[in-house]
Protein backbone atom coordinates (compact mmCIF):
# COMPACT_ATOMS: atom_id res chain seq x y z
CA MET A 1 -162.93 96.27 42.15
CA LYS A 2 -159.04 96.76 44.22
CA THR A 3 -157.11 93.60 42.72
CA ASP A 4 -153.34 92.80 42.76
CA TYR A 5 -153.90 92.31 38.96
CA ASP A 6 -156.40 93.26 35.89
CA LEU A 7 -154.94 89.67 34.73
CA VAL A 8 -153.41 86.85 35.07
CA ILE A 9 -152.65 84.04 33.26
CA ILE A 10 -151.96 80.34 34.17
CA GLY A 11 -149.45 78.31 31.66
CA ALA A 12 -146.88 79.53 29.87
CA GLY A 13 -146.98 77.26 26.36
CA PRO A 14 -147.88 79.18 23.32
CA ALA A 15 -151.61 79.99 24.37
CA GLY A 16 -150.08 81.58 27.59
CA LEU A 17 -146.99 83.33 26.35
CA THR A 18 -149.29 84.87 23.56
CA ALA A 19 -152.02 86.09 25.79
CA GLY A 20 -149.43 87.92 27.26
CA ILE A 21 -147.98 89.45 24.47
CA TYR A 22 -151.63 90.83 23.79
CA ALA A 23 -152.16 92.02 27.97
CA ALA A 24 -148.50 93.09 27.83
CA ARG A 25 -148.88 95.16 24.72
CA ALA A 26 -152.14 97.15 26.00
CA ARG A 27 -150.50 97.86 28.83
CA MET A 28 -152.58 95.82 31.43
CA ASN A 29 -151.03 95.00 34.43
CA VAL A 30 -150.66 91.22 33.97
CA LEU A 31 -149.04 87.94 35.67
CA LEU A 32 -148.16 84.75 34.26
CA LEU A 33 -148.03 82.14 36.16
CA GLU A 34 -145.99 78.22 35.06
CA LYS A 35 -145.27 75.98 37.15
CA THR A 36 -143.26 74.32 34.98
CA ALA A 37 -140.65 75.97 32.13
CA PRO A 38 -142.30 78.37 29.02
CA GLY A 39 -142.95 76.73 26.68
CA GLY A 40 -145.67 73.78 27.38
CA GLN A 41 -145.24 70.49 25.52
CA ILE A 42 -143.52 72.07 22.10
CA LEU A 43 -140.50 72.19 24.40
CA ILE A 44 -140.15 68.77 24.06
CA THR A 45 -140.84 68.75 20.32
CA ASP A 46 -137.61 68.78 18.38
CA TRP A 47 -138.55 70.50 14.96
CA ILE A 48 -141.26 72.01 13.92
CA GLU A 49 -142.17 73.05 10.05
CA ASN A 50 -146.00 73.72 10.46
CA TYR A 51 -145.70 76.84 12.28
CA PRO A 52 -145.64 79.64 9.56
CA GLY A 53 -143.27 82.30 9.30
CA PHE A 54 -140.40 79.54 9.55
CA PRO A 55 -140.31 78.22 6.21
CA GLU A 56 -137.29 75.83 7.32
CA GLY A 57 -138.61 74.99 10.30
CA ILE A 58 -137.80 75.58 14.13
CA SER A 59 -137.24 73.33 16.90
CA GLY A 60 -139.73 74.07 19.47
CA TYR A 61 -137.26 74.84 22.61
CA ASP A 62 -135.50 77.93 19.91
CA LEU A 63 -139.60 78.66 18.85
CA SER A 64 -140.89 78.79 22.74
CA GLU A 65 -137.94 80.39 23.69
CA LYS A 66 -138.59 83.30 21.15
CA MET A 67 -141.89 83.68 21.79
CA LYS A 68 -140.91 84.23 25.89
CA ILE A 69 -138.01 86.97 25.07
CA GLN A 70 -141.28 88.80 22.81
CA ALA A 71 -143.09 88.63 26.14
CA GLU A 72 -140.85 89.82 28.59
CA SER A 73 -139.45 92.50 26.07
CA LEU A 74 -143.20 93.47 26.05
CA GLY A 75 -143.26 93.96 29.92
CA LEU A 76 -144.50 90.87 30.93
CA LYS A 77 -143.89 89.43 34.22
CA ILE A 78 -143.71 85.51 34.12
CA GLU A 79 -143.66 84.28 37.48
CA SER A 80 -142.67 80.09 38.35
CA ALA A 81 -145.71 78.98 40.69
CA GLU A 82 -148.18 76.25 40.82
CA VAL A 83 -151.58 77.05 41.29
CA HIS A 84 -153.36 74.82 43.57
CA SER A 85 -157.10 76.11 43.35
CA LEU A 86 -159.31 78.78 42.43
CA ASN A 87 -162.27 80.77 44.13
CA LEU A 88 -164.10 82.04 41.41
CA SER A 89 -167.70 83.11 43.67
CA GLY A 90 -167.07 86.73 43.32
CA GLU A 91 -165.91 89.60 41.41
CA ALA A 92 -162.56 89.28 41.81
CA LYS A 93 -161.08 85.99 40.77
CA GLU A 94 -158.82 84.73 43.78
CA ILE A 95 -155.69 82.14 42.74
CA ILE A 96 -154.80 80.32 45.45
CA LEU A 97 -150.84 79.39 45.71
CA LYS A 98 -148.84 76.99 47.22
CA ASP A 99 -147.48 80.20 50.03
CA ARG A 100 -149.83 82.52 49.21
CA SER A 101 -152.92 84.01 47.47
CA LEU A 102 -153.28 86.55 44.22
CA THR A 103 -156.70 88.21 43.04
CA THR A 104 -157.12 88.98 39.81
CA LYS A 105 -160.63 90.84 37.56
CA SER A 106 -159.89 88.33 34.51
CA LEU A 107 -158.32 85.74 33.98
CA ILE A 108 -157.42 83.24 31.12
CA ILE A 109 -156.66 79.84 31.55
CA ALA A 110 -153.98 77.75 29.12
CA SER A 111 -152.77 75.23 31.06
CA GLY A 112 -152.66 73.19 27.97
CA ALA A 113 -152.95 68.82 27.67
CA SER A 114 -150.82 66.04 28.16
CA PRO A 115 -151.43 62.95 26.17
CA ARG A 116 -152.14 59.82 28.02
CA LYS A 117 -149.30 57.87 28.52
CA LEU A 118 -148.58 53.92 27.84
CA GLY A 119 -146.37 54.10 31.17
CA ILE A 120 -143.81 51.90 29.32
CA GLY A 121 -140.62 53.90 28.71
CA GLU A 122 -141.64 56.18 26.02
CA GLU A 123 -140.33 59.03 27.65
CA LYS A 124 -136.86 58.64 27.34
CA PHE A 125 -137.57 59.08 23.35
CA PHE A 126 -139.69 62.09 23.17
CA GLY A 127 -138.83 63.84 20.43
CA LYS A 128 -136.46 61.04 19.01
CA GLY A 129 -139.21 58.78 17.62
CA VAL A 130 -142.25 58.60 20.02
CA SER A 131 -144.57 61.25 19.23
CA PHE A 132 -148.41 62.34 19.91
CA CYS A 133 -148.84 64.26 16.62
CA ALA A 134 -149.16 62.91 13.13
CA THR A 135 -149.64 65.72 12.26
CA CYS A 136 -146.99 67.77 13.98
CA ASP A 137 -143.63 65.35 13.11
CA GLY A 138 -145.02 62.23 10.38
CA PRO A 139 -143.20 64.29 7.58
CA PHE A 140 -140.27 63.08 9.46
CA PHE A 141 -140.69 59.78 8.46
CA LYS A 142 -140.96 59.25 5.11
CA GLU A 143 -140.03 56.27 3.78
CA LYS A 144 -139.83 54.50 7.36
CA THR A 145 -141.62 51.75 9.55
CA VAL A 146 -143.28 53.18 12.69
CA VAL A 147 -145.86 52.05 14.90
CA ALA A 148 -149.10 53.83 15.90
CA VAL A 149 -151.19 52.79 18.71
CA GLY A 150 -154.90 52.98 19.72
CA GLY A 151 -158.11 52.41 18.32
CA GLY A 152 -160.53 55.47 18.38
CA ASP A 153 -161.11 57.94 15.80
CA THR A 154 -158.09 60.04 16.04
CA ALA A 155 -155.62 56.80 16.39
CA ILE A 156 -157.11 55.85 13.00
CA GLN A 157 -157.28 58.99 11.65
CA GLU A 158 -154.06 59.92 11.64
CA SER A 159 -152.42 56.80 11.10
CA ILE A 160 -154.07 57.11 7.82
CA PHE A 161 -152.54 59.95 7.82
CA LEU A 162 -149.21 58.71 8.28
CA THR A 163 -149.69 56.74 4.98
CA LYS A 164 -148.26 59.61 3.18
CA PHE A 165 -145.03 59.87 4.41
CA ALA A 166 -144.27 56.14 5.93
CA LYS A 167 -143.43 53.12 4.03
CA LYS A 168 -145.22 51.12 6.65
CA VAL A 169 -147.80 51.28 9.66
CA TYR A 170 -148.19 48.72 11.82
CA LEU A 171 -151.42 49.98 14.06
CA VAL A 172 -150.83 47.98 17.32
CA HIS A 173 -154.89 48.19 19.49
CA ARG A 174 -155.66 46.04 22.18
CA ARG A 175 -158.94 44.00 21.13
CA ASN A 176 -160.23 42.62 17.33
CA GLU A 177 -162.41 45.25 16.97
CA LEU A 178 -161.64 49.39 16.56
CA ARG A 179 -163.84 52.03 17.92
CA ALA A 180 -163.36 54.42 16.05
CA ALA A 181 -166.33 55.56 13.02
CA LYS A 182 -166.95 53.00 10.46
CA ILE A 183 -166.22 54.86 7.51
CA LEU A 184 -162.33 55.82 9.34
CA GLN A 185 -162.13 51.89 9.75
CA GLU A 186 -163.33 51.08 6.26
CA ARG A 187 -160.33 53.17 4.96
CA ALA A 188 -158.01 51.47 7.67
CA LEU A 189 -158.29 48.24 6.52
CA LYS A 190 -158.42 49.14 2.47
CA ASN A 191 -155.18 51.12 3.29
CA GLU A 192 -152.06 48.49 2.18
CA LYS A 193 -149.26 50.46 4.06
CA ILE A 194 -151.64 50.15 7.54
CA GLU A 195 -150.74 46.38 9.38
CA PHE A 196 -153.51 45.28 12.38
CA VAL A 197 -151.71 43.84 15.65
CA TRP A 198 -154.86 42.76 17.16
CA ASP A 199 -155.39 41.76 20.43
CA SER A 200 -152.21 43.61 21.63
CA VAL A 201 -150.37 46.27 23.65
CA VAL A 202 -147.09 47.90 23.87
CA THR A 203 -144.50 46.61 26.33
CA GLY A 204 -141.13 48.90 25.61
CA VAL A 205 -139.51 51.21 23.45
CA GLU A 206 -135.84 50.87 22.77
CA GLY A 207 -132.72 52.26 21.00
CA PHE A 208 -130.07 54.23 21.80
CA PHE A 209 -129.94 57.72 19.94
CA GLY A 210 -133.33 57.10 18.61
CA LEU A 211 -136.07 54.80 18.66
CA GLU A 212 -135.16 51.33 16.86
CA GLY A 213 -137.86 49.11 17.92
CA VAL A 214 -140.94 49.04 19.88
CA LYS A 215 -141.86 45.70 21.65
CA VAL A 216 -145.45 44.57 21.70
CA LYS A 217 -146.97 41.53 23.48
CA ASN A 218 -150.55 39.40 22.46
CA LEU A 219 -152.55 39.28 25.39
CA LYS A 220 -154.14 36.12 24.12
CA THR A 221 -151.46 33.78 23.21
CA ASP A 222 -148.96 35.98 25.34
CA GLU A 223 -146.17 36.12 22.52
CA GLU A 224 -144.36 38.63 22.47
CA LYS A 225 -142.11 39.84 19.79
CA THR A 226 -139.73 43.31 18.71
CA ILE A 227 -141.56 45.29 15.56
CA SER A 228 -138.90 47.22 14.20
CA ALA A 229 -139.36 50.91 13.75
CA LYS A 230 -138.03 54.54 13.70
CA GLY A 231 -141.67 55.90 15.01
CA CYS A 232 -143.85 55.60 17.63
CA PHE A 233 -147.44 57.20 17.92
CA ILE A 234 -149.18 56.86 20.87
CA TRP A 235 -153.09 57.86 20.60
CA VAL A 236 -154.71 56.35 23.94
CA GLY A 237 -156.05 59.59 25.44
CA ILE A 238 -155.01 63.63 25.98
CA LEU A 239 -155.94 64.19 29.59
CA PRO A 240 -156.37 68.57 30.34
CA ASN A 241 -153.42 70.29 33.20
CA THR A 242 -156.92 71.23 35.15
CA SER A 243 -156.26 69.98 38.63
CA PHE A 244 -156.82 72.84 40.28
CA LEU A 245 -159.89 73.73 39.07
CA ASN A 246 -162.21 71.67 41.08
CA ASP A 247 -165.57 72.53 39.04
CA SER A 248 -165.30 76.43 39.49
CA VAL A 249 -165.91 76.14 35.70
CA LYS A 250 -168.13 74.11 32.98
CA THR A 251 -165.84 71.26 30.92
CA ASP A 252 -166.63 68.57 28.68
CA GLU A 253 -167.14 65.15 30.28
CA PHE A 254 -163.70 64.84 29.57
CA GLY A 255 -162.72 67.68 31.62
CA PHE A 256 -161.98 69.60 29.12
CA ILE A 257 -163.50 74.07 29.61
CA LEU A 258 -165.95 74.77 27.95
CA ALA A 259 -165.56 78.10 25.81
CA ASP A 260 -167.70 80.16 23.29
CA ALA A 261 -166.11 81.92 20.35
CA LYS A 262 -164.52 84.47 22.74
CA MET A 263 -163.21 82.00 24.41
CA GLN A 264 -165.58 83.26 27.71
CA THR A 265 -166.05 79.89 29.97
CA SER A 266 -168.90 79.70 32.23
CA VAL A 267 -167.55 81.41 34.70
CA PRO A 268 -167.77 85.73 33.54
CA GLY A 269 -164.25 87.27 33.09
CA VAL A 270 -162.97 83.72 33.33
CA PHE A 271 -161.15 82.69 29.42
CA ALA A 272 -159.97 79.36 28.26
CA ALA A 273 -157.62 79.02 25.37
CA GLY A 274 -154.99 76.47 23.21
CA ASP A 275 -155.30 72.73 24.29
CA VAL A 276 -156.99 73.33 27.98
CA ARG A 277 -160.37 73.84 25.99
CA ASP A 278 -162.88 71.81 24.44
CA THR A 279 -161.38 71.93 20.14
CA PRO A 280 -160.92 70.07 17.56
CA LEU A 281 -157.76 70.74 16.85
CA ARG A 282 -154.73 71.38 19.34
CA GLN A 283 -151.79 72.75 17.35
CA ILE A 284 -150.07 76.36 18.09
CA ALA A 285 -151.63 78.18 15.92
CA THR A 286 -154.69 77.38 17.21
CA ALA A 287 -153.24 77.47 20.82
CA VAL A 288 -151.63 80.89 19.31
CA GLY A 289 -155.18 82.64 17.53
CA ASP A 290 -157.45 81.21 20.45
CA ALA A 291 -154.72 83.08 22.83
CA ALA A 292 -155.52 86.40 20.64
CA ILE A 293 -159.29 86.40 21.29
CA ALA A 294 -158.78 85.27 25.31
CA ALA A 295 -156.55 88.30 25.92
CA VAL A 296 -158.67 90.86 23.62
CA SER A 297 -162.00 89.37 25.12
CA ALA A 298 -160.52 89.68 29.04
CA GLU A 299 -159.42 93.61 28.26
CA HIS A 300 -163.04 94.60 26.98
CA TYR A 301 -164.55 92.40 29.85
CA ILE A 302 -162.25 95.08 32.61
CA GLU A 303 -163.17 98.07 30.25
CA ASN A 304 -167.21 97.36 30.97
CA LEU A 305 -166.54 96.61 34.71
CA SER A 306 -168.41 99.28 36.81
């Protein structure tokens, strides 16, 4: 089977870059495609303290740059291109770009996921008070007041986690009851640091250099107020970056790719790694682990092709 590449990786976040490092070291003919800039979501992460090897922490930009430099030093080719669709019906996998198509023996999908946004201008404060990850950013809000948004399991679990650091957590939910598991609800309702703001939505965020206030509107009374806060944590869902798949591989009901312990998807030779797959934890460390497995699995797959 003649193809343009042994392996193509879609997405240059921590998962994609790690897969590229492993593949390049294995001397595979590999190409990494990224539609924006290498780094993925960590590019908008101000400071990372929970990634091993950096006891004093590291900025998201610096970590992604180190990963990129390491990958390219091993010979990895990174190309700026957006994948429009895939044709996985044959043994050779076809990747359709805007101006051409590529063929590859194996494919790793590491296109990541994006937090569902409220659409109230929160982008201005990404990394400056607005966050989607308490595990990542909670420690930066020690003894500060924060606002949390959501009512599902993630919102409640993360809000409880935030109380380890924040002096006060205002939890804004659009209904007057939570969707989270009962045991989580009980824990949150008993937590003296959490104050619920029921029947309400966040309508805006305010500040100059960083977040200073969160505007909240009561849906029943139309009353509006501003909560003085240094942080706003948003948990209203996360969306996989899989619009190009077109049902070419199996996903769960939310669109996340289903993969086994070897990161193998429903299509032989196609693997998934990082936030794009169905996983219980979306962190840099787990994305890197997924990617190492996916790259080695892809190498073994290629070796076994007839």
